Amino acid sequence: MICAVYKSRLKPDSYLFVEKRNEFERVPEPLMKMFGTPELVMLLPLNKREHLALADIEKVKVELAEKGYYLQLPPPSVNLLDEYKKEIGYSRD
């Protein structure tokens, strides 16, 4: 299975995986508007890979088969100061 991966010009670190290059018919219109004009990043042979950097490869395959697309969003940002405060037990109370 080869899919096409596109990045968003509007949403940093957001990627849209579709079954075939330039085929967005199965992607909902509101999602396409939010995503903006897709910019091709690569054609990705999923059957030759065991994992992906930021996504569960099996989930990607299932969603491509069922919905025709997979949307990868960036992980939520972590507030390092808050994490440090928790680690040292700091509380303002």
Protein backbone atom coordinates (compact mmCIF):
# COMPACT_ATOMS: atom_id res chain seq x y z
CA MET A 1 0.00 0.00 0.00
CA ILE A 2 1.45 3.33 -1.10
CA CYS A 3 -0.11 6.54 0.16
CA ALA A 4 0.54 10.21 -0.45
CA VAL A 5 1.47 12.49 2.44
CA TYR A 6 0.73 16.20 2.32
CA LYS A 7 1.60 18.98 4.74
CA SER A 8 -0.62 21.89 5.60
CA ARG A 9 0.45 25.44 4.84
CA LEU A 10 -2.08 26.73 7.39
CA LYS A 11 -1.57 24.33 10.29
CA PRO A 12 2.10 23.77 11.18
CA ASP A 13 3.17 20.14 11.67
CA SER A 14 -0.17 18.82 10.37
CA TYR A 15 -0.10 16.10 7.73
CA LEU A 16 -2.81 14.51 5.61
CA PHE A 17 -2.33 10.95 4.34
CA VAL A 18 -4.50 9.95 1.37
CA GLU A 19 -4.78 6.73 -0.60
CA LYS A 20 -3.59 8.17 -3.92
CA ARG A 21 -1.73 11.28 -5.02
CA ASN A 22 -4.03 14.28 -5.57
CA GLU A 23 -7.19 12.35 -4.66
CA PHE A 24 -9.05 14.23 -1.93
CA GLU A 25 -12.64 13.22 -2.79
CA ARG A 26 -13.09 11.23 0.45
CA VAL A 27 -11.67 14.01 2.67
CA PRO A 28 -14.50 16.10 4.19
CA GLU A 29 -14.75 19.62 2.75
CA PRO A 30 -14.53 21.36 6.18
CA LEU A 31 -11.28 19.50 6.86
CA MET A 32 -9.86 20.53 3.48
CA LYS A 33 -10.74 24.18 4.17
CA MET A 34 -9.08 24.04 7.60
CA PHE A 35 -6.04 22.22 6.17
CA GLY A 36 -5.58 24.63 3.28
CA THR A 37 -3.90 23.84 -0.02
CA PRO A 38 -2.08 20.53 0.49
CA GLU A 39 1.63 20.44 -0.33
CA LEU A 40 2.96 17.01 -1.33
CA VAL A 41 5.72 15.82 0.99
CA MET A 42 6.21 12.23 -0.15
CA LEU A 43 4.76 9.02 -1.48
CA LEU A 44 5.02 6.51 1.35
CA PRO A 45 5.04 2.70 0.90
CA LEU A 46 3.26 1.65 4.11
CA ASN A 47 3.66 -2.08 3.45
CA LYS A 48 7.45 -1.74 3.58
CA ARG A 49 7.48 0.07 6.94
CA GLU A 50 7.08 -1.25 10.45
CA HIS A 51 6.42 2.10 12.14
CA LEU A 52 6.05 5.81 11.60
CA ALA A 53 7.63 8.60 13.64
CA LEU A 54 4.50 10.20 15.12
CA ALA A 55 1.63 7.92 14.15
CA ASP A 56 0.56 4.33 14.72
CA ILE A 57 1.09 2.72 11.33
CA GLU A 58 -1.76 0.24 11.84
CA LYS A 59 -4.17 3.08 12.66
CA VAL A 60 -3.02 4.92 9.53
CA LYS A 61 -3.67 1.83 7.39
CA VAL A 62 -7.12 1.24 8.92
CA GLU A 63 -8.23 4.86 8.54
CA LEU A 64 -6.98 5.00 4.95
CA ALA A 65 -8.98 1.87 4.14
CA GLU A 66 -12.13 2.92 6.01
CA LYS A 67 -12.22 6.71 5.53
CA GLY A 68 -9.80 7.30 2.66
CA TYR A 69 -7.57 9.62 4.70
CA TYR A 70 -5.64 9.98 7.95
CA LEU A 71 -4.97 13.33 9.62
CA GLN A 72 -1.81 13.61 11.71
CA LEU A 73 -1.82 16.56 14.09
CA PRO A 74 1.16 17.76 16.11
CA PRO A 75 1.43 16.54 19.69
CA PRO A 76 0.19 19.02 22.29
CA SER A 77 2.84 21.42 23.51
CA VAL A 78 4.20 20.83 26.99
CA ASN A 79 4.72 23.69 29.41
CA LEU A 80 8.18 22.84 30.74
CA LEU A 81 7.91 25.26 33.66
CA ASP A 82 4.68 23.63 34.88
CA GLU A 83 6.23 20.18 34.48
CA TYR A 84 9.26 21.25 36.51
CA LYS A 85 7.06 22.71 39.25
CA LYS A 86 5.16 19.42 39.51
CA GLU A 87 8.42 17.50 39.62
CA ILE A 88 9.77 19.52 42.56
CA GLY A 89 6.41 19.67 44.34
CA TYR A 90 5.98 23.42 44.04
CA SER A 91 2.51 24.73 44.83
CA ARG A 92 1.23 28.31 45.16
CA ASP A 93 -1.43 27.26 47.68
